[in-house]
Amino acid sequence: MARARVAVAVALAALALPAASVAEIVATPAAHGVLTLDSSGVLGILESISVRADAATPATWEVAMQRGELFAQPSLVVNGRRYRPGNGSTPGTFRISRGTHGVRFDWLQPPGSGSVRLGYRLALFGTAYTDVVDLRVPVWESWPVSVGRLTAALRLPRTPRKRVIVWVEPSDVDAAFSTAGNDVRMAIHNSDANQGVTMHTVLPRAVFASTEGLNVEHKPGLATVLAARTRRNRTTWPLLVGGALLIVVTAAVVLRTARWRRRPPR
């Protein structure tokens, strides 16, 4: 009986011990994306993220992609230090691999408050029609914690002479849009955890000098795009973009040196 009481006491003491904590990213106060379209429709993406982790934490960023899209030139800078390609678990390295929905970054986030800057380029993520170019611009990917303030600037290759139509997906996200020069800007307060954000943008075809970085449909597309938007029951925020040209990216269009494809939907 005495031995039984001792065994019970030991078991209760074990239950009372605190569980080992799991290292995690605990906060993301703000994030800002600079999304630069070149004159062929290739998109350069730079995501600057403020991060706080309670310990050295494995971190993941997955670029959601559709079948046939192209990905290239990944880069990662953490706390001002440029990481090199590697296994992603050794400090100072990041790993690129096929993810569940596209291309995946993995790295070890240092403890404390810091910054992350992810860079990459995408092609064939939009469709050029004879009248407009329809783009689903990936502003934000799924992230394990909410973002206090999420902002983005889409930089166009030249001044549009016609209306630019912009709205956000998913439709329940409350976003504000504005323009400054050739930038189309977006701001969201309290973006939810584990939720990607897309800035759906419809541009005049004349904004682009070529369609090498785009899918091409030899027919008008504006009516079809707007009809699809109406079916999703989302009000667009139309705006007329003006101002001087801010930036034209002169990088090569050919991104076919690296290709990852999203699995076909079932």
C-alpha atoms as a PDB file:
ATOM      1  CA  MET A   1       0.000   0.000   0.000  1.00  0.00           C
ATOM      2  CA  ALA A   2       2.850   2.395   0.873  1.00  0.00           C
ATOM      3  CA  ARG A   3       4.522   1.642  -2.454  1.00  0.00           C
ATOM      4  CA  ALA A   4       1.238   2.353  -4.256  1.00  0.00           C
ATOM      5  CA  ARG A   5       0.926   5.724  -2.510  1.00  0.00           C
ATOM      6  CA  VAL A   6       4.511   6.614  -3.504  1.00  0.00           C
ATOM      7  CA  ALA A   7       3.819   5.645  -7.125  1.00  0.00           C
ATOM      8  CA  VAL A   8       0.688   7.806  -7.218  1.00  0.00           C
ATOM      9  CA  ALA A   9       2.583  10.751  -5.702  1.00  0.00           C
ATOM     10  CA  VAL A  10       5.361  10.426  -8.303  1.00  0.00           C
ATOM     11  CA  ALA A  11       2.776  10.300 -11.108  1.00  0.00           C
ATOM     12  CA  LEU A  12       1.005  13.403  -9.826  1.00  0.00           C
ATOM     13  CA  ALA A  13       4.315  15.233  -9.514  1.00  0.00           C
ATOM     14  CA  ALA A  14       5.139  14.373 -13.121  1.00  0.00           C
ATOM     15  CA  LEU A  15       1.793  15.744 -14.272  1.00  0.00           C
ATOM     16  CA  ALA A  16       2.500  18.968 -12.413  1.00  0.00           C
ATOM     17  CA  LEU A  17       5.735  19.621 -14.328  1.00  0.00           C
ATOM     18  CA  PRO A  18       5.343  22.261 -17.045  1.00  0.00           C
ATOM     19  CA  ALA A  19       5.389  20.979 -20.602  1.00  0.00           C
ATOM     20  CA  ALA A  20       8.392  21.879 -22.696  1.00  0.00           C
ATOM     21  CA  SER A  21       7.640  25.031 -24.656  1.00  0.00           C
ATOM     22  CA  VAL A  22       7.631  24.954 -28.443  1.00  0.00           C
ATOM     23  CA  ALA A  23       9.631  27.667 -30.158  1.00  0.00           C
ATOM     24  CA  GLU A  24       7.420  29.797 -32.364  1.00  0.00           C
ATOM     25  CA  ILE A  25       6.941  33.136 -34.053  1.00  0.00           C
ATOM     26  CA  VAL A  26       4.789  35.039 -31.594  1.00  0.00           C
ATOM     27  CA  ALA A  27       4.085  38.315 -33.405  1.00  0.00           C
ATOM     28  CA  THR A  28       4.293  40.080 -36.754  1.00  0.00           C
ATOM     29  CA  PRO A  29       3.577  43.762 -36.133  1.00  0.00           C
ATOM     30  CA  ALA A  30       3.867  44.845 -39.770  1.00  0.00           C
ATOM     31  CA  ALA A  31       4.696  43.718 -43.286  1.00  0.00           C
ATOM     32  CA  HIS A  32       5.181  45.563 -46.560  1.00  0.00           C
ATOM     33  CA  GLY A  33       5.376  44.185 -50.084  1.00  0.00           C
ATOM     34  CA  VAL A  34       6.976  45.932 -53.051  1.00  0.00           C
ATOM     35  CA  LEU A  35       5.617  44.298 -56.213  1.00  0.00           C
ATOM     36  CA  THR A  36       7.312  45.493 -59.396  1.00  0.00           C
ATOM     37  CA  LEU A  37       5.878  44.648 -62.798  1.00  0.00           C
ATOM     38  CA  ASP A  38       8.263  44.843 -65.721  1.00  0.00           C
ATOM     39  CA  SER A  39       7.178  45.709 -69.240  1.00  0.00           C
ATOM     40  CA  SER A  40       6.733  42.037 -70.189  1.00  0.00           C
ATOM     41  CA  GLY A  41       4.510  41.093 -67.244  1.00  0.00           C
ATOM     42  CA  VAL A  42       7.154  39.478 -65.020  1.00  0.00           C
ATOM     43  CA  LEU A  43       6.621  40.314 -61.341  1.00  0.00           C
ATOM     44  CA  GLY A  44       9.426  40.986 -58.879  1.00  0.00           C
ATOM     45  CA  ILE A  45       8.384  40.546 -55.234  1.00  0.00           C
ATOM     46  CA  LEU A  46      10.090  41.849 -52.098  1.00  0.00           C
ATOM     47  CA  GLU A  47       8.325  41.112 -48.808  1.00  0.00           C
ATOM     48  CA  SER A  48       9.651  42.983 -45.763  1.00  0.00           C
ATOM     49  CA  ILE A  49       8.324  41.512 -42.515  1.00  0.00           C
ATOM     50  CA  SER A  50       8.871  42.514 -38.876  1.00  0.00           C
ATOM     51  CA  VAL A  51       8.964  39.399 -36.721  1.00  0.00           C
ATOM     52  CA  ARG A  52       9.244  38.488 -33.058  1.00  0.00           C
ATOM     53  CA  ALA A  53      10.161  34.918 -32.063  1.00  0.00           C
ATOM     54  CA  ASP A  54      10.451  33.572 -28.529  1.00  0.00           C
ATOM     55  CA  ALA A  55      13.383  31.309 -29.481  1.00  0.00           C
ATOM     56  CA  ALA A  56      15.284  30.161 -32.548  1.00  0.00           C
ATOM     57  CA  THR A  57      12.345  28.996 -34.669  1.00  0.00           C
ATOM     58  CA  PRO A  58      12.006  27.031 -37.910  1.00  0.00           C
ATOM     59  CA  ALA A  59      10.115  29.379 -40.266  1.00  0.00           C
ATOM     60  CA  THR A  60       8.344  28.647 -43.544  1.00  0.00           C
ATOM     61  CA  TRP A  61       7.049  30.816 -46.368  1.00  0.00           C
ATOM     62  CA  GLU A  62       5.217  29.082 -49.205  1.00  0.00           C
ATOM     63  CA  VAL A  63       4.557  30.843 -52.495  1.00  0.00           C
ATOM     64  CA  ALA A  64       1.173  29.558 -53.688  1.00  0.00           C
ATOM     65  CA  MET A  65       1.317  28.945 -57.440  1.00  0.00           C
ATOM     66  CA  GLN A  66      -0.982  27.798 -60.192  1.00  0.00           C
ATOM     67  CA  ARG A  67      -0.092  25.173 -62.735  1.00  0.00           C
ATOM     68  CA  GLY A  68       2.288  26.528 -65.374  1.00  0.00           C
ATOM     69  CA  GLU A  69       3.544  29.540 -63.424  1.00  0.00           C
ATOM     70  CA  LEU A  70       7.298  30.134 -63.264  1.00  0.00           C
ATOM     71  CA  PHE A  71       9.410  30.971 -60.213  1.00  0.00           C
ATOM     72  CA  ALA A  72      13.006  32.228 -60.085  1.00  0.00           C
ATOM     73  CA  GLN A  73      15.680  34.202 -58.220  1.00  0.00           C
ATOM     74  CA  PRO A  74      14.812  33.443 -54.578  1.00  0.00           C
ATOM     75  CA  SER A  75      16.621  35.447 -51.906  1.00  0.00           C
ATOM     76  CA  LEU A  76      16.379  35.832 -48.131  1.00  0.00           C
ATOM     77  CA  VAL A  77      17.766  38.485 -45.779  1.00  0.00           C
ATOM     78  CA  VAL A  78      17.239  38.079 -42.004  1.00  0.00           C
ATOM     79  CA  ASN A  79      18.127  40.868 -39.570  1.00  0.00           C
ATOM     80  CA  GLY A  80      20.190  42.490 -42.317  1.00  0.00           C
ATOM     81  CA  ARG A  81      22.179  39.325 -43.043  1.00  0.00           C
ATOM     82  CA  ARG A  82      21.882  37.763 -46.495  1.00  0.00           C
ATOM     83  CA  TYR A  83      21.244  34.033 -46.147  1.00  0.00           C
ATOM     84  CA  ARG A  84      22.742  31.566 -48.614  1.00  0.00           C
ATOM     85  CA  PRO A  85      21.030  28.540 -50.188  1.00  0.00           C
ATOM     86  CA  GLY A  86      21.451  25.452 -48.038  1.00  0.00           C
ATOM     87  CA  ASN A  87      19.510  23.098 -45.807  1.00  0.00           C
ATOM     88  CA  GLY A  88      17.514  25.824 -44.056  1.00  0.00           C
ATOM     89  CA  SER A  89      18.212  24.395 -40.590  1.00  0.00           C
ATOM     90  CA  THR A  90      21.761  25.708 -40.315  1.00  0.00           C
ATOM     91  CA  PRO A  91      21.825  29.372 -39.239  1.00  0.00           C
ATOM     92  CA  GLY A  92      22.497  31.634 -42.210  1.00  0.00           C
ATOM     93  CA  THR A  93      20.990  29.276 -44.797  1.00  0.00           C
ATOM     94  CA  PHE A  94      17.616  28.904 -46.476  1.00  0.00           C
ATOM     95  CA  ARG A  95      16.150  25.968 -48.361  1.00  0.00           C
ATOM     96  CA  ILE A  96      13.969  26.052 -51.484  1.00  0.00           C
ATOM     97  CA  SER A  97      11.771  23.035 -52.144  1.00  0.00           C
ATOM     98  CA  ARG A  98       8.439  21.985 -53.590  1.00  0.00           C
ATOM     99  CA  GLY A  99       5.662  22.804 -51.153  1.00  0.00           C
ATOM    100  CA  THR A 100       2.059  21.710 -50.859  1.00  0.00           C
ATOM    101  CA  HIS A 101       0.787  24.541 -53.054  1.00  0.00           C
ATOM    102  CA  GLY A 102       3.894  25.871 -54.783  1.00  0.00           C
ATOM    103  CA  VAL A 103       7.464  26.800 -53.809  1.00  0.00           C
ATOM    104  CA  ARG A 104       8.575  26.718 -50.190  1.00  0.00           C
ATOM    105  CA  PHE A 105      11.220  28.731 -48.295  1.00  0.00           C
ATOM    106  CA  ASP A 106      12.567  27.274 -45.018  1.00  0.00           C
ATOM    107  CA  TRP A 107      14.993  28.948 -42.617  1.00  0.00           C
ATOM    108  CA  LEU A 108      15.797  29.284 -38.918  1.00  0.00           C
ATOM    109  CA  GLN A 109      14.460  32.549 -37.491  1.00  0.00           C
ATOM    110  CA  PRO A 110      16.670  33.922 -34.675  1.00  0.00           C
ATOM    111  CA  PRO A 111      15.081  34.704 -31.297  1.00  0.00           C
ATOM    112  CA  GLY A 112      13.834  38.167 -30.411  1.00  0.00           C
ATOM    113  CA  SER A 113      12.552  41.004 -32.561  1.00  0.00           C
ATOM    114  CA  GLY A 114      13.941  41.137 -36.071  1.00  0.00           C
ATOM    115  CA  SER A 115      13.212  41.467 -39.759  1.00  0.00           C
ATOM    116  CA  VAL A 116      12.841  39.188 -42.759  1.00  0.00           C
ATOM    117  CA  ARG A 117      13.040  40.173 -46.414  1.00  0.00           C
ATOM    118  CA  LEU A 118      12.027  37.574 -48.973  1.00  0.00           C
ATOM    119  CA  GLY A 119      12.592  38.098 -52.679  1.00  0.00           C
ATOM    120  CA  TYR A 120      11.602  36.156 -55.806  1.00  0.00           C
ATOM    121  CA  ARG A 121      10.191  36.592 -59.317  1.00  0.00           C
ATOM    122  CA  LEU A 122       7.084  35.158 -60.940  1.00  0.00           C
ATOM    123  CA  ALA A 123       6.050  34.800 -64.574  1.00  0.00           C
ATOM    124  CA  LEU A 124       2.962  33.472 -66.368  1.00  0.00           C
ATOM    125  CA  PHE A 125       0.773  34.307 -63.370  1.00  0.00           C
ATOM    126  CA  GLY A 126      -1.444  36.682 -65.396  1.00  0.00           C
ATOM    127  CA  THR A 127      -3.389  36.625 -68.659  1.00  0.00           C
ATOM    128  CA  ALA A 128      -3.136  39.144 -71.488  1.00  0.00           C
ATOM    129  CA  TYR A 129      -6.290  39.635 -73.550  1.00  0.00           C
ATOM    130  CA  THR A 130      -6.591  41.922 -76.551  1.00  0.00           C
ATOM    131  CA  ASP A 131      -7.998  44.736 -74.382  1.00  0.00           C
ATOM    132  CA  VAL A 132      -6.763  44.172 -70.798  1.00  0.00           C
ATOM    133  CA  VAL A 133      -4.291  42.187 -68.720  1.00  0.00           C
ATOM    134  CA  ASP A 134      -5.774  40.278 -65.776  1.00  0.00           C
ATOM    135  CA  LEU A 135      -3.374  39.773 -62.862  1.00  0.00           C
ATOM    136  CA  ARG A 136      -3.786  38.026 -59.532  1.00  0.00           C
ATOM    137  CA  VAL A 137      -0.930  39.688 -57.685  1.00  0.00           C
ATOM    138  CA  PRO A 138       0.146  37.723 -54.578  1.00  0.00           C
ATOM    139  CA  VAL A 139       0.477  40.379 -51.882  1.00  0.00           C
ATOM    140  CA  TRP A 140       0.743  38.040 -48.882  1.00  0.00           C
ATOM    141  CA  GLU A 141       1.093  34.312 -48.303  1.00  0.00           C
ATOM    142  CA  SER A 142      -0.141  32.171 -45.441  1.00  0.00           C
ATOM    143  CA  TRP A 143       1.723  33.002 -42.202  1.00  0.00           C
ATOM    144  CA  PRO A 144       1.344  31.423 -38.723  1.00  0.00           C
ATOM    145  CA  VAL A 145       0.387  34.652 -36.894  1.00  0.00           C
ATOM    146  CA  SER A 146      -1.753  37.658 -37.746  1.00  0.00           C
ATOM    147  CA  VAL A 147      -0.184  40.847 -39.119  1.00  0.00           C
ATOM    148  CA  GLY A 148      -0.919  44.119 -37.343  1.00  0.00           C
ATOM    149  CA  ARG A 149      -0.600  46.186 -40.529  1.00  0.00           C
ATOM    150  CA  LEU A 150      -0.116  44.803 -44.026  1.00  0.00           C
ATOM    151  CA  THR A 151       0.737  47.209 -46.839  1.00  0.00           C
ATOM    152  CA  ALA A 152       1.799  46.768 -50.448  1.00  0.00           C
ATOM    153  CA  ALA A 153       2.745  48.856 -53.466  1.00  0.00           C
ATOM    154  CA  LEU A 154       2.291  47.541 -57.009  1.00  0.00           C
ATOM    155  CA  ARG A 155       4.640  49.434 -59.351  1.00  0.00           C
ATOM    156  CA  LEU A 156       3.489  49.600 -62.972  1.00  0.00           C
ATOM    157  CA  PRO A 157       5.891  49.713 -65.927  1.00  0.00           C
ATOM    158  CA  ARG A 158       4.266  52.751 -67.555  1.00  0.00           C
ATOM    159  CA  THR A 159       1.472  55.250 -67.025  1.00  0.00           C
ATOM    160  CA  PRO A 160      -1.938  53.783 -67.910  1.00  0.00           C
ATOM    161  CA  ARG A 161      -4.136  55.890 -70.162  1.00  0.00           C
ATOM    162  CA  LYS A 162      -7.276  54.040 -69.121  1.00  0.00           C
ATOM    163  CA  ARG A 163      -8.812  52.880 -65.873  1.00  0.00           C
ATOM    164  CA  VAL A 164      -7.099  50.373 -63.621  1.00  0.00           C
ATOM    165  CA  ILE A 165      -9.530  48.169 -61.675  1.00  0.00           C
ATOM    166  CA  VAL A 166      -8.391  46.677 -58.373  1.00  0.00           C
ATOM    167  CA  TRP A 167      -9.971  44.566 -55.658  1.00  0.00           C
ATOM    168  CA  VAL A 168      -8.782  42.239 -52.931  1.00  0.00           C
ATOM    169  CA  GLU A 169      -9.258  38.508 -52.457  1.00  0.00           C
ATOM    170  CA  PRO A 170     -10.562  36.927 -50.281  1.00  0.00           C
ATOM    171  CA  SER A 171     -13.607  39.150 -50.376  1.00  0.00           C
ATOM    172  CA  ASP A 172     -14.012  39.460 -46.598  1.00  0.00           C
ATOM    173  CA  VAL A 173     -10.681  41.299 -46.248  1.00  0.00           C
ATOM    174  CA  ASP A 174     -11.173  45.018 -45.606  1.00  0.00           C
ATOM    175  CA  ALA A 175      -8.569  46.770 -47.758  1.00  0.00           C
ATOM    176  CA  ALA A 176      -8.033  50.435 -48.663  1.00  0.00           C
ATOM    177  CA  PHE A 177      -6.484  51.427 -52.002  1.00  0.00           C
ATOM    178  CA  SER A 178      -4.767  54.591 -53.180  1.00  0.00           C
ATOM    179  CA  THR A 179      -2.393  55.736 -55.901  1.00  0.00           C
ATOM    180  CA  ALA A 180       0.891  57.609 -55.900  1.00  0.00           C
ATOM    181  CA  GLY A 181       2.590  58.129 -59.223  1.00  0.00           C
ATOM    182  CA  ASN A 182       2.710  54.729 -60.887  1.00  0.00           C
ATOM    183  CA  ASP A 183       2.154  52.885 -57.590  1.00  0.00           C
ATOM    184  CA  VAL A 184      -1.147  51.243 -56.732  1.00  0.00           C
ATOM    185  CA  ARG A 185      -1.108  50.952 -52.940  1.00  0.00           C
ATOM    186  CA  MET A 186      -3.046  48.755 -50.569  1.00  0.00           C
ATOM    187  CA  ALA A 187      -3.374  48.766 -46.771  1.00  0.00           C
ATOM    188  CA  ILE A 188      -4.979  46.210 -44.454  1.00  0.00           C
ATOM    189  CA  HIS A 189      -5.229  46.319 -40.674  1.00  0.00           C
ATOM    190  CA  ASN A 190      -5.089  43.063 -38.713  1.00  0.00           C
ATOM    191  CA  SER A 191      -4.639  40.528 -41.485  1.00  0.00           C
ATOM    192  CA  ASP A 192      -5.584  37.097 -40.134  1.00  0.00           C
ATOM    193  CA  ALA A 193      -3.151  34.282 -39.515  1.00  0.00           C
ATOM    194  CA  ASN A 194      -2.884  31.515 -42.133  1.00  0.00           C
ATOM    195  CA  GLN A 195      -4.574  33.600 -44.822  1.00  0.00           C
ATOM    196  CA  GLY A 196      -3.081  34.674 -48.126  1.00  0.00           C
ATOM    197  CA  VAL A 197      -4.073  37.964 -49.750  1.00  0.00           C
ATOM    198  CA  THR A 198      -4.271  38.629 -53.494  1.00  0.00           C
ATOM    199  CA  MET A 199      -4.593  42.043 -55.149  1.00  0.00           C
ATOM    200  CA  HIS A 200      -6.643  41.305 -58.250  1.00  0.00           C
ATOM    201  CA  THR A 201      -5.655  43.931 -60.793  1.00  0.00           C
ATOM    202  CA  VAL A 202      -6.996  44.600 -64.304  1.00  0.00           C
ATOM    203  CA  LEU A 203      -4.728  46.811 -66.407  1.00  0.00           C
ATOM    204  CA  PRO A 204      -5.000  48.220 -69.936  1.00  0.00           C
ATOM    205  CA  ARG A 205      -3.085  46.047 -72.402  1.00  0.00           C
ATOM    206  CA  ALA A 206      -1.040  49.090 -73.497  1.00  0.00           C
ATOM    207  CA  VAL A 207       0.720  49.191 -70.112  1.00  0.00           C
ATOM    208  CA  PHE A 208       2.937  46.328 -71.326  1.00  0.00           C
ATOM    209  CA  ALA A 209       5.459  46.434 -74.165  1.00  0.00           C
ATOM    210  CA  SER A 210       5.320  42.660 -74.649  1.00  0.00           C
ATOM    211  CA  THR A 211       3.530  39.590 -73.275  1.00  0.00           C
ATOM    212  CA  GLU A 212       6.536  37.279 -72.845  1.00  0.00           C
ATOM    213  CA  GLY A 213       5.881  36.964 -69.109  1.00  0.00           C
ATOM    214  CA  LEU A 214       2.112  36.455 -69.476  1.00  0.00           C
ATOM    215  CA  ASN A 215      -0.344  33.890 -70.703  1.00  0.00           C
ATOM    216  CA  VAL A 216      -2.097  35.109 -73.863  1.00  0.00           C
ATOM    217  CA  GLU A 217      -5.721  34.865 -74.956  1.00  0.00           C
ATOM    218  CA  HIS A 218      -6.484  36.259 -78.431  1.00  0.00           C
ATOM    219  CA  LYS A 219      -9.852  37.735 -77.508  1.00  0.00           C
ATOM    220  CA  PRO A 220     -11.299  40.583 -75.403  1.00  0.00           C
ATOM    221  CA  GLY A 221     -11.355  39.781 -71.678  1.00  0.00           C
ATOM    222  CA  LEU A 222     -12.689  42.724 -69.679  1.00  0.00           C
ATOM    223  CA  ALA A 223     -16.347  41.648 -69.734  1.00  0.00           C
ATOM    224  CA  THR A 224     -15.426  38.092 -68.736  1.00  0.00           C
ATOM    225  CA  VAL A 225     -13.205  39.228 -65.867  1.00  0.00           C
ATOM    226  CA  LEU A 226     -15.794  41.643 -64.474  1.00  0.00           C
ATOM    227  CA  ALA A 227     -18.577  39.067 -64.812  1.00  0.00           C
ATOM    228  CA  ALA A 228     -16.514  36.618 -62.776  1.00  0.00           C
ATOM    229  CA  ARG A 229     -15.933  39.313 -60.157  1.00  0.00           C
ATOM    230  CA  THR A 230     -19.669  40.021 -59.963  1.00  0.00           C
ATOM    231  CA  ARG A 231     -20.383  36.346 -59.418  1.00  0.00           C
ATOM    232  CA  ARG A 232     -18.027  36.465 -56.445  1.00  0.00           C
ATOM    233  CA  ASN A 233     -20.156  39.320 -55.091  1.00  0.00           C
ATOM    234  CA  ARG A 234     -17.257  41.646 -54.503  1.00  0.00           C
ATOM    235  CA  THR A 235     -17.368  45.399 -55.232  1.00  0.00           C
ATOM    236  CA  THR A 236     -14.267  46.630 -57.033  1.00  0.00           C
ATOM    237  CA  TRP A 237     -12.420  49.787 -56.205  1.00  0.00           C
ATOM    238  CA  PRO A 238     -11.855  51.453 -59.603  1.00  0.00           C
ATOM    239  CA  LEU A 239      -9.128  54.017 -59.881  1.00  0.00           C
ATOM    240  CA  LEU A 240      -7.405  56.020 -62.570  1.00  0.00           C
ATOM    241  CA  VAL A 241      -3.653  55.739 -62.253  1.00  0.00           C
ATOM    242  CA  GLY A 242      -1.541  58.688 -63.389  1.00  0.00           C
ATOM    243  CA  GLY A 243       1.825  60.232 -62.733  1.00  0.00           C
ATOM    244  CA  ALA A 244       5.350  59.809 -63.974  1.00  0.00           C
ATOM    245  CA  LEU A 245       6.984  56.456 -64.490  1.00  0.00           C
ATOM    246  CA  LEU A 246       8.688  55.355 -61.285  1.00  0.00           C
ATOM    247  CA  ILE A 247      10.521  52.227 -62.233  1.00  0.00           C
ATOM    248  CA  VAL A 248      11.089  49.789 -65.064  1.00  0.00           C
ATOM    249  CA  VAL A 249      12.792  46.543 -64.208  1.00  0.00           C
ATOM    250  CA  THR A 250      15.350  45.646 -66.860  1.00  0.00           C
ATOM    251  CA  ALA A 251      15.963  42.064 -65.748  1.00  0.00           C
ATOM    252  CA  ALA A 252      15.666  39.329 -68.369  1.00  0.00           C
ATOM    253  CA  VAL A 253      12.234  37.925 -69.040  1.00  0.00           C
ATOM    254  CA  VAL A 254      13.258  34.318 -69.401  1.00  0.00           C
ATOM    255  CA  LEU A 255      12.586  32.631 -66.063  1.00  0.00           C
ATOM    256  CA  ARG A 256      12.504  29.112 -67.337  1.00  0.00           C
ATOM    257  CA  THR A 257      15.654  28.144 -65.476  1.00  0.00           C
ATOM    258  CA  ALA A 258      13.535  27.224 -62.463  1.00  0.00           C
ATOM    259  CA  ARG A 259      10.033  25.822 -62.572  1.00  0.00           C
ATOM    260  CA  TRP A 260       7.747  24.523 -59.898  1.00  0.00           C
ATOM    261  CA  ARG A 261       4.145  23.687 -60.656  1.00  0.00           C
ATOM    262  CA  ARG A 262       1.205  23.465 -58.349  1.00  0.00           C
ATOM    263  CA  ARG A 263      -0.549  20.152 -58.377  1.00  0.00           C
ATOM    264  CA  PRO A 264      -3.683  20.138 -60.565  1.00  0.00           C
ATOM    265  CA  PRO A 265      -6.877  20.719 -58.555  1.00  0.00           C
ATOM    266  CA  ARG A 266      -8.906  17.632 -57.917  1.00  0.00           C
END
